[in-house]
Amino acid sequence: MITANLPPDTRPALVLLHSSMSARAQWADLMASQEANFRCIAVDLLGYGKSPFPAVDGPYTLGHEVDAINAAIASRLAPGEPFHLVGHSYGGATALRLARQMPQRVLSLTVFEPVAFHLLPPADPARREIVAVVDAIERAASAHDATRVFIDYWNREGVFDTLPAAQQQRFASQIAKVKLDFEALLGEPATLADMAALTMPALVLSGAASPASTRRVAAELAAALPNGAAEQTKGGHMAPITHAAIVNDLIAGFLASAEVDA
């Protein structure tokens, strides 16, 4: 059999990181719209989708997530190859850690409400708000009750109880990883001063109806990033899923401009 010598794929790489209790499939529409322009690499974060639950002794950190991401994308990228980076929520906070570890490889950074609560001082009301949510999850009598706290906070009170039983159970099965996510987020040592070292073009997105905690993080982060811009969209914290068309258009426009400026 004769194999044709195909030209190398010169499209820049685009790495996509999803939120907690989600999976790489959340980026399917964005990937479909951008496949002509980018080699899209969506990753299942540990404990979600097809990725295994993390087996870690000691405190769980964003460094563990980044190690797993690097292993997942290594076969899709040439050694040292740069890439554009997009992350939502927990994936956004993980994207910040990834960008800090390899700033020379990240061509642009797009984050939708990264839950990087460690960037806020302990006395900040927004951080206190999320700490109270974490405490309520830890105190919950069951995984089902803990998941109700989590889902209702990011959406609105009562949403969890409106979901089909099968979906409630699927979410509840992931609450153990959510607890590790919060452990990693609140234990991350990075500060806003560290964000000032990220000089790549950056876009920080937020939802108009989002909780105060993530809107506060987004505002502080956008101000700290030297080449950061901020945009607000319709919807809340889950707008990349509930208002995907709007969010994806903003991401696509930013990626196009970042490529022109590269």
C-alpha atoms as a PDB file:
ATOM      1  CA  MET A   1       0.000   0.000   0.000  1.00  0.00           C
ATOM      2  CA  ILE A   2       1.293   3.479  -0.898  1.00  0.00           C
ATOM      3  CA  THR A   3       0.933   6.125   1.797  1.00  0.00           C
ATOM      4  CA  ALA A   4       0.664   9.704   0.609  1.00  0.00           C
ATOM      5  CA  ASN A   5       3.131  12.188   2.012  1.00  0.00           C
ATOM      6  CA  LEU A   6       0.769  14.584   3.707  1.00  0.00           C
ATOM      7  CA  PRO A   7       1.913  18.152   4.392  1.00  0.00           C
ATOM      8  CA  PRO A   8       2.561  18.976   8.045  1.00  0.00           C
ATOM      9  CA  ASP A   9      -0.372  20.388   9.987  1.00  0.00           C
ATOM     10  CA  THR A  10       0.553  24.027  10.458  1.00  0.00           C
ATOM     11  CA  ARG A  11      -2.526  25.015  12.449  1.00  0.00           C
ATOM     12  CA  PRO A  12      -1.595  26.380  15.891  1.00  0.00           C
ATOM     13  CA  ALA A  13      -2.592  24.223  18.849  1.00  0.00           C
ATOM     14  CA  LEU A  14      -5.458  25.149  21.168  1.00  0.00           C
ATOM     15  CA  VAL A  15      -5.701  23.436  24.569  1.00  0.00           C
ATOM     16  CA  LEU A  16      -9.108  23.533  26.307  1.00  0.00           C
ATOM     17  CA  LEU A  17      -9.803  22.839  29.989  1.00  0.00           C
ATOM     18  CA  HIS A  18     -13.334  22.323  31.344  1.00  0.00           C
ATOM     19  CA  SER A  19     -15.026  23.144  34.645  1.00  0.00           C
ATOM     20  CA  SER A  20     -15.612  20.894  37.660  1.00  0.00           C
ATOM     21  CA  MET A  21     -18.356  18.268  37.192  1.00  0.00           C
ATOM     22  CA  SER A  22     -17.919  18.564  33.440  1.00  0.00           C
ATOM     23  CA  ALA A  23     -15.719  17.014  30.756  1.00  0.00           C
ATOM     24  CA  ARG A  24     -13.907  17.899  27.563  1.00  0.00           C
ATOM     25  CA  ALA A  25     -17.142  17.505  25.598  1.00  0.00           C
ATOM     26  CA  GLN A  26     -18.278  20.894  26.923  1.00  0.00           C
ATOM     27  CA  TRP A  27     -16.017  22.442  24.273  1.00  0.00           C
ATOM     28  CA  ALA A  28     -17.447  20.428  21.347  1.00  0.00           C
ATOM     29  CA  ASP A  29     -19.159  23.393  19.676  1.00  0.00           C
ATOM     30  CA  LEU A  30     -16.121  25.642  19.981  1.00  0.00           C
ATOM     31  CA  MET A  31     -13.881  22.906  18.616  1.00  0.00           C
ATOM     32  CA  ALA A  32     -16.193  22.300  15.667  1.00  0.00           C
ATOM     33  CA  SER A  33     -16.219  25.997  14.787  1.00  0.00           C
ATOM     34  CA  GLN A  34     -12.444  26.359  15.099  1.00  0.00           C
ATOM     35  CA  GLU A  35     -11.143  23.142  13.556  1.00  0.00           C
ATOM     36  CA  ALA A  36     -10.175  24.948  10.343  1.00  0.00           C
ATOM     37  CA  ASN A  37      -7.993  27.373  12.303  1.00  0.00           C
ATOM     38  CA  PHE A  38      -6.631  25.363  15.236  1.00  0.00           C
ATOM     39  CA  ARG A  39      -5.628  21.863  16.271  1.00  0.00           C
ATOM     40  CA  CYS A  40      -8.042  21.632  19.192  1.00  0.00           C
ATOM     41  CA  ILE A  41      -6.943  19.526  22.162  1.00  0.00           C
ATOM     42  CA  ALA A  42      -9.638  19.232  24.843  1.00  0.00           C
ATOM     43  CA  VAL A  43      -8.494  17.468  28.010  1.00  0.00           C
ATOM     44  CA  ASP A  44     -10.510  15.602  30.640  1.00  0.00           C
ATOM     45  CA  LEU A  45      -9.247  16.865  34.002  1.00  0.00           C
ATOM     46  CA  LEU A  46      -8.516  14.225  36.635  1.00  0.00           C
ATOM     47  CA  GLY A  47     -11.628  12.563  37.997  1.00  0.00           C
ATOM     48  CA  TYR A  48     -13.840  13.730  35.131  1.00  0.00           C
ATOM     49  CA  GLY A  49     -14.793  12.292  31.762  1.00  0.00           C
ATOM     50  CA  LYS A  50     -12.439   9.444  30.920  1.00  0.00           C
ATOM     51  CA  SER A  51      -9.609  10.540  33.225  1.00  0.00           C
ATOM     52  CA  PRO A  52      -8.968   8.487  36.364  1.00  0.00           C
ATOM     53  CA  PHE A  53      -9.595   9.754  39.869  1.00  0.00           C
ATOM     54  CA  PRO A  54      -6.316  11.156  41.200  1.00  0.00           C
ATOM     55  CA  ALA A  55      -4.253   8.889  43.424  1.00  0.00           C
ATOM     56  CA  VAL A  56      -2.286  11.321  45.558  1.00  0.00           C
ATOM     57  CA  ASP A  57      -0.723  11.053  49.001  1.00  0.00           C
ATOM     58  CA  GLY A  58      -0.900  14.317  50.899  1.00  0.00           C
ATOM     59  CA  PRO A  59      -2.527  17.605  49.901  1.00  0.00           C
ATOM     60  CA  TYR A  60      -4.040  17.851  46.453  1.00  0.00           C
ATOM     61  CA  THR A  61      -2.705  20.723  44.331  1.00  0.00           C
ATOM     62  CA  LEU A  62      -3.159  22.350  40.956  1.00  0.00           C
ATOM     63  CA  GLY A  63       0.314  21.056  40.224  1.00  0.00           C
ATOM     64  CA  HIS A  64      -1.128  17.536  40.130  1.00  0.00           C
ATOM     65  CA  GLU A  65      -3.656  18.691  37.519  1.00  0.00           C
ATOM     66  CA  VAL A  66      -0.977  20.367  35.420  1.00  0.00           C
ATOM     67  CA  ASP A  67       1.210  17.260  35.484  1.00  0.00           C
ATOM     68  CA  ALA A  68      -1.710  15.200  34.175  1.00  0.00           C
ATOM     69  CA  ILE A  69      -2.500  17.783  31.473  1.00  0.00           C
ATOM     70  CA  ASN A  70       1.102  17.819  30.292  1.00  0.00           C
ATOM     71  CA  ALA A  71       1.048  14.040  30.044  1.00  0.00           C
ATOM     72  CA  ALA A  72      -2.226  14.143  28.113  1.00  0.00           C
ATOM     73  CA  ILE A  73      -1.098  16.715  25.547  1.00  0.00           C
ATOM     74  CA  ALA A  74       2.477  15.499  25.097  1.00  0.00           C
ATOM     75  CA  SER A  75       1.566  13.120  22.285  1.00  0.00           C
ATOM     76  CA  ARG A  76      -0.375  15.831  20.457  1.00  0.00           C
ATOM     77  CA  LEU A  77       2.318  18.501  20.501  1.00  0.00           C
ATOM     78  CA  ALA A  78       5.895  18.654  19.306  1.00  0.00           C
ATOM     79  CA  PRO A  79       8.473  19.072  22.113  1.00  0.00           C
ATOM     80  CA  GLY A  80       8.308  22.643  23.317  1.00  0.00           C
ATOM     81  CA  GLU A  81       5.519  23.543  20.890  1.00  0.00           C
ATOM     82  CA  PRO A  82       3.541  26.648  21.929  1.00  0.00           C
ATOM     83  CA  PHE A  83      -0.248  26.646  22.196  1.00  0.00           C
ATOM     84  CA  HIS A  84      -3.239  28.834  22.933  1.00  0.00           C
ATOM     85  CA  LEU A  85      -4.928  28.033  26.252  1.00  0.00           C
ATOM     86  CA  VAL A  86      -8.596  28.267  27.266  1.00  0.00           C
ATOM     87  CA  GLY A  87     -10.102  27.327  30.627  1.00  0.00           C
ATOM     88  CA  HIS A  88     -13.442  27.623  32.400  1.00  0.00           C
ATOM     89  CA  SER A  89     -13.962  27.741  36.178  1.00  0.00           C
ATOM     90  CA  TYR A  90     -11.706  25.086  37.749  1.00  0.00           C
ATOM     91  CA  GLY A  91     -10.179  24.596  34.316  1.00  0.00           C
ATOM     92  CA  GLY A  92      -9.521  28.333  34.246  1.00  0.00           C
ATOM     93  CA  ALA A  93      -7.695  28.266  37.568  1.00  0.00           C
ATOM     94  CA  THR A  94      -5.717  25.274  36.332  1.00  0.00           C
ATOM     95  CA  ALA A  95      -4.925  27.187  33.133  1.00  0.00           C
ATOM     96  CA  LEU A  96      -3.419  29.978  35.233  1.00  0.00           C
ATOM     97  CA  ARG A  97      -1.164  27.459  36.980  1.00  0.00           C
ATOM     98  CA  LEU A  98      -0.185  25.930  33.625  1.00  0.00           C
ATOM     99  CA  ALA A  99       0.605  29.364  32.178  1.00  0.00           C
ATOM    100  CA  ARG A 100       2.780  30.195  35.177  1.00  0.00           C
ATOM    101  CA  GLN A 101       4.739  26.965  34.822  1.00  0.00           C
ATOM    102  CA  MET A 102       5.429  27.381  31.101  1.00  0.00           C
ATOM    103  CA  PRO A 103       4.781  31.013  30.115  1.00  0.00           C
ATOM    104  CA  GLN A 104       7.081  30.756  27.113  1.00  0.00           C
ATOM    105  CA  ARG A 105       4.761  28.164  25.522  1.00  0.00           C
ATOM    106  CA  VAL A 106       1.373  29.823  26.091  1.00  0.00           C
ATOM    107  CA  LEU A 107       0.581  32.005  23.071  1.00  0.00           C
ATOM    108  CA  SER A 108      -2.609  33.423  24.571  1.00  0.00           C
ATOM    109  CA  LEU A 109      -4.717  32.837  27.661  1.00  0.00           C
ATOM    110  CA  THR A 110      -8.521  32.874  27.787  1.00  0.00           C
ATOM    111  CA  VAL A 111     -10.320  32.160  31.053  1.00  0.00           C
ATOM    112  CA  PHE A 112     -14.010  32.267  31.900  1.00  0.00           C
ATOM    113  CA  GLU A 113     -14.395  32.982  35.614  1.00  0.00           C
ATOM    114  CA  PRO A 114     -11.389  31.044  36.865  1.00  0.00           C
ATOM    115  CA  VAL A 115     -12.190  29.996  40.424  1.00  0.00           C
ATOM    116  CA  ALA A 116      -8.771  31.175  41.593  1.00  0.00           C
ATOM    117  CA  PHE A 117     -10.012  32.178  45.036  1.00  0.00           C
ATOM    118  CA  HIS A 118      -6.448  32.066  46.344  1.00  0.00           C
ATOM    119  CA  LEU A 119      -5.913  35.399  44.563  1.00  0.00           C
ATOM    120  CA  LEU A 120      -8.222  37.096  47.079  1.00  0.00           C
ATOM    121  CA  PRO A 121      -7.099  37.919  50.629  1.00  0.00           C
ATOM    122  CA  PRO A 122      -8.739  35.841  53.386  1.00  0.00           C
ATOM    123  CA  ALA A 123     -10.760  38.824  54.628  1.00  0.00           C
ATOM    124  CA  ASP A 124     -12.257  39.593  51.214  1.00  0.00           C
ATOM    125  CA  PRO A 125     -16.066  39.069  51.385  1.00  0.00           C
ATOM    126  CA  ALA A 126     -15.994  37.190  48.081  1.00  0.00           C
ATOM    127  CA  ARG A 127     -13.459  34.701  49.414  1.00  0.00           C
ATOM    128  CA  ARG A 128     -15.415  34.345  52.641  1.00  0.00           C
ATOM    129  CA  GLU A 129     -18.472  33.554  50.543  1.00  0.00           C
ATOM    130  CA  ILE A 130     -16.827  30.639  48.781  1.00  0.00           C
ATOM    131  CA  VAL A 131     -15.225  29.366  51.997  1.00  0.00           C
ATOM    132  CA  ALA A 132     -18.739  29.204  53.471  1.00  0.00           C
ATOM    133  CA  VAL A 133     -19.856  27.143  50.466  1.00  0.00           C
ATOM    134  CA  VAL A 134     -16.933  24.757  50.922  1.00  0.00           C
ATOM    135  CA  ASP A 135     -17.749  24.426  54.622  1.00  0.00           C
ATOM    136  CA  ALA A 136     -21.384  23.629  53.788  1.00  0.00           C
ATOM    137  CA  ILE A 137     -20.276  20.935  51.333  1.00  0.00           C
ATOM    138  CA  GLU A 138     -18.005  19.386  53.957  1.00  0.00           C
ATOM    139  CA  ARG A 139     -20.753  19.451  56.611  1.00  0.00           C
ATOM    140  CA  ALA A 140     -23.416  17.936  54.353  1.00  0.00           C
ATOM    141  CA  ALA A 141     -24.894  14.691  55.634  1.00  0.00           C
ATOM    142  CA  SER A 142     -24.536  12.878  52.295  1.00  0.00           C
ATOM    143  CA  ALA A 143     -22.950  13.162  48.862  1.00  0.00           C
ATOM    144  CA  HIS A 144     -26.404  13.986  47.535  1.00  0.00           C
ATOM    145  CA  ASP A 145     -26.812  16.917  49.942  1.00  0.00           C
ATOM    146  CA  ALA A 146     -23.270  18.155  49.293  1.00  0.00           C
ATOM    147  CA  THR A 147     -23.913  18.127  45.565  1.00  0.00           C
ATOM    148  CA  ARG A 148     -27.110  20.137  46.066  1.00  0.00           C
ATOM    149  CA  VAL A 149     -25.068  22.855  47.785  1.00  0.00           C
ATOM    150  CA  PHE A 150     -22.552  22.894  44.929  1.00  0.00           C
ATOM    151  CA  ILE A 151     -25.008  22.881  42.035  1.00  0.00           C
ATOM    152  CA  ASP A 152     -27.345  25.441  43.582  1.00  0.00           C
ATOM    153  CA  TYR A 153     -24.512  27.851  44.334  1.00  0.00           C
ATOM    154  CA  TRP A 154     -23.307  27.982  40.740  1.00  0.00           C
ATOM    155  CA  ASN A 155     -26.789  28.099  39.265  1.00  0.00           C
ATOM    156  CA  ARG A 156     -29.534  29.156  41.650  1.00  0.00           C
ATOM    157  CA  GLU A 157     -31.268  27.764  44.720  1.00  0.00           C
ATOM    158  CA  GLY A 158     -33.484  24.817  43.917  1.00  0.00           C
ATOM    159  CA  VAL A 159     -31.909  23.857  40.592  1.00  0.00           C
ATOM    160  CA  PHE A 160     -30.492  20.556  41.823  1.00  0.00           C
ATOM    161  CA  ASP A 161     -33.904  19.280  42.911  1.00  0.00           C
ATOM    162  CA  THR A 162     -35.326  19.963  39.447  1.00  0.00           C
ATOM    163  CA  LEU A 163     -32.803  17.662  37.761  1.00  0.00           C
ATOM    164  CA  PRO A 164     -33.671  14.090  36.744  1.00  0.00           C
ATOM    165  CA  ALA A 165     -32.665  11.496  39.326  1.00  0.00           C
ATOM    166  CA  ALA A 166     -30.057   9.976  37.018  1.00  0.00           C
ATOM    167  CA  GLN A 167     -28.385  13.350  36.536  1.00  0.00           C
ATOM    168  CA  GLN A 168     -28.464  14.043  40.269  1.00  0.00           C
ATOM    169  CA  GLN A 169     -26.743  10.725  40.873  1.00  0.00           C
ATOM    170  CA  ARG A 170     -24.123  11.383  38.198  1.00  0.00           C
ATOM    171  CA  PHE A 171     -23.256  14.732  39.752  1.00  0.00           C
ATOM    172  CA  ALA A 172     -23.225  13.269  43.258  1.00  0.00           C
ATOM    173  CA  SER A 173     -20.736  10.632  42.134  1.00  0.00           C
ATOM    174  CA  GLN A 174     -18.283  13.453  41.350  1.00  0.00           C
ATOM    175  CA  ILE A 175     -18.531  15.400  44.601  1.00  0.00           C
ATOM    176  CA  ALA A 176     -15.424  13.693  46.034  1.00  0.00           C
ATOM    177  CA  LYS A 177     -13.348  15.189  43.210  1.00  0.00           C
ATOM    178  CA  VAL A 178     -15.025  18.575  43.708  1.00  0.00           C
ATOM    179  CA  LYS A 179     -13.768  18.544  47.290  1.00  0.00           C
ATOM    180  CA  LEU A 180     -10.236  17.952  46.009  1.00  0.00           C
ATOM    181  CA  ASP A 181     -10.708  20.757  43.499  1.00  0.00           C
ATOM    182  CA  PHE A 182     -11.515  23.177  46.321  1.00  0.00           C
ATOM    183  CA  GLU A 183      -8.542  21.893  48.332  1.00  0.00           C
ATOM    184  CA  ALA A 184      -6.258  22.639  45.402  1.00  0.00           C
ATOM    185  CA  LEU A 185      -7.794  26.044  44.725  1.00  0.00           C
ATOM    186  CA  LEU A 186      -7.683  27.364  48.278  1.00  0.00           C
ATOM    187  CA  GLY A 187      -4.199  25.955  48.829  1.00  0.00           C
ATOM    188  CA  GLU A 188      -2.631  27.427  45.700  1.00  0.00           C
ATOM    189  CA  PRO A 189       0.169  29.839  46.741  1.00  0.00           C
ATOM    190  CA  ALA A 190      -0.026  32.151  43.693  1.00  0.00           C
ATOM    191  CA  THR A 191      -0.943  35.796  44.209  1.00  0.00           C
ATOM    192  CA  LEU A 192      -2.060  38.671  42.003  1.00  0.00           C
ATOM    193  CA  ALA A 193       1.582  39.751  41.884  1.00  0.00           C
ATOM    194  CA  ASP A 194       2.402  36.399  40.269  1.00  0.00           C
ATOM    195  CA  MET A 195      -0.290  37.020  37.661  1.00  0.00           C
ATOM    196  CA  ALA A 196       1.530  40.201  36.658  1.00  0.00           C
ATOM    197  CA  ALA A 197       4.321  38.013  35.268  1.00  0.00           C
ATOM    198  CA  LEU A 198       1.956  36.514  32.671  1.00  0.00           C
ATOM    199  CA  THR A 199       2.604  38.792  29.714  1.00  0.00           C
ATOM    200  CA  MET A 200       0.860  36.844  26.944  1.00  0.00           C
ATOM    201  CA  PRO A 201      -2.357  38.305  25.470  1.00  0.00           C
ATOM    202  CA  ALA A 202      -5.180  37.397  27.856  1.00  0.00           C
ATOM    203  CA  LEU A 203      -8.953  37.596  27.940  1.00  0.00           C
ATOM    204  CA  VAL A 204     -10.894  37.280  31.188  1.00  0.00           C
ATOM    205  CA  LEU A 205     -14.599  36.556  30.704  1.00  0.00           C
ATOM    206  CA  SER A 206     -17.374  36.653  33.293  1.00  0.00           C
ATOM    207  CA  GLY A 207     -21.140  36.269  33.400  1.00  0.00           C
ATOM    208  CA  ALA A 208     -23.443  39.119  34.355  1.00  0.00           C
ATOM    209  CA  ALA A 209     -25.510  36.824  36.602  1.00  0.00           C
ATOM    210  CA  SER A 210     -22.584  35.040  38.270  1.00  0.00           C
ATOM    211  CA  PRO A 211     -21.904  34.866  42.022  1.00  0.00           C
ATOM    212  CA  ALA A 212     -19.949  37.704  43.563  1.00  0.00           C
ATOM    213  CA  SER A 213     -17.018  35.420  44.327  1.00  0.00           C
ATOM    214  CA  THR A 214     -16.103  34.645  40.725  1.00  0.00           C
ATOM    215  CA  ARG A 215     -16.936  38.108  39.390  1.00  0.00           C
ATOM    216  CA  ARG A 216     -14.559  39.506  41.997  1.00  0.00           C
ATOM    217  CA  VAL A 217     -11.769  37.110  40.986  1.00  0.00           C
ATOM    218  CA  ALA A 218     -12.290  37.925  37.301  1.00  0.00           C
ATOM    219  CA  ALA A 219     -12.074  41.673  37.921  1.00  0.00           C
ATOM    220  CA  GLU A 220      -8.935  41.420  40.047  1.00  0.00           C
ATOM    221  CA  LEU A 221      -7.270  39.043  37.607  1.00  0.00           C
ATOM    222  CA  ALA A 222      -8.018  41.179  34.540  1.00  0.00           C
ATOM    223  CA  ALA A 223      -6.513  44.198  36.292  1.00  0.00           C
ATOM    224  CA  ALA A 224      -3.381  42.260  37.268  1.00  0.00           C
ATOM    225  CA  LEU A 225      -2.587  40.758  33.857  1.00  0.00           C
ATOM    226  CA  PRO A 226      -0.324  43.179  31.923  1.00  0.00           C
ATOM    227  CA  ASN A 227      -1.960  42.383  28.572  1.00  0.00           C
ATOM    228  CA  GLY A 228      -5.355  41.363  29.907  1.00  0.00           C
ATOM    229  CA  ALA A 229      -8.764  42.450  28.681  1.00  0.00           C
ATOM    230  CA  ALA A 230     -12.142  41.845  30.336  1.00  0.00           C
ATOM    231  CA  GLU A 231     -15.521  41.052  28.800  1.00  0.00           C
ATOM    232  CA  GLN A 232     -18.855  40.309  30.444  1.00  0.00           C
ATOM    233  CA  THR A 233     -21.441  38.048  28.817  1.00  0.00           C
ATOM    234  CA  LYS A 234     -25.043  37.107  29.368  1.00  0.00           C
ATOM    235  CA  GLY A 235     -25.677  34.241  31.757  1.00  0.00           C
ATOM    236  CA  GLY A 236     -23.902  33.139  34.879  1.00  0.00           C
ATOM    237  CA  HIS A 237     -20.940  31.044  35.877  1.00  0.00           C
ATOM    238  CA  MET A 238     -21.951  28.217  33.544  1.00  0.00           C
ATOM    239  CA  ALA A 239     -22.385  30.499  30.514  1.00  0.00           C
ATOM    240  CA  PRO A 240     -19.820  28.517  28.458  1.00  0.00           C
ATOM    241  CA  ILE A 241     -22.461  25.775  28.506  1.00  0.00           C
ATOM    242  CA  THR A 242     -25.776  27.648  28.880  1.00  0.00           C
ATOM    243  CA  HIS A 243     -24.812  30.511  26.538  1.00  0.00           C
ATOM    244  CA  ALA A 244     -22.188  28.686  24.518  1.00  0.00           C
ATOM    245  CA  ALA A 245     -22.767  30.525  21.240  1.00  0.00           C
ATOM    246  CA  ILE A 246     -22.157  33.934  22.832  1.00  0.00           C
ATOM    247  CA  VAL A 247     -19.107  32.821  24.805  1.00  0.00           C
ATOM    248  CA  ASN A 248     -17.610  30.880  21.906  1.00  0.00           C
ATOM    249  CA  ASP A 249     -17.910  33.884  19.597  1.00  0.00           C
ATOM    250  CA  LEU A 250     -15.939  36.010  22.057  1.00  0.00           C
ATOM    251  CA  ILE A 251     -13.283  33.327  22.440  1.00  0.00           C
ATOM    252  CA  ALA A 252     -13.023  32.861  18.673  1.00  0.00           C
ATOM    253  CA  GLY A 253     -12.624  36.585  18.093  1.00  0.00           C
ATOM    254  CA  PHE A 254      -9.909  36.852  20.715  1.00  0.00           C
ATOM    255  CA  LEU A 255      -8.020  33.845  19.350  1.00  0.00           C
ATOM    256  CA  ALA A 256      -8.136  35.314  15.858  1.00  0.00           C
ATOM    257  CA  SER A 257      -6.698  38.615  17.087  1.00  0.00           C
ATOM    258  CA  ALA A 258      -4.025  36.830  19.114  1.00  0.00           C
ATOM    259  CA  GLU A 259      -2.944  34.931  16.008  1.00  0.00           C
ATOM    260  CA  VAL A 260      -2.733  38.147  13.974  1.00  0.00           C
ATOM    261  CA  ASP A 261      -0.585  39.758  16.658  1.00  0.00           C
ATOM    262  CA  ALA A 262       1.656  36.711  17.123  1.00  0.00           C
END
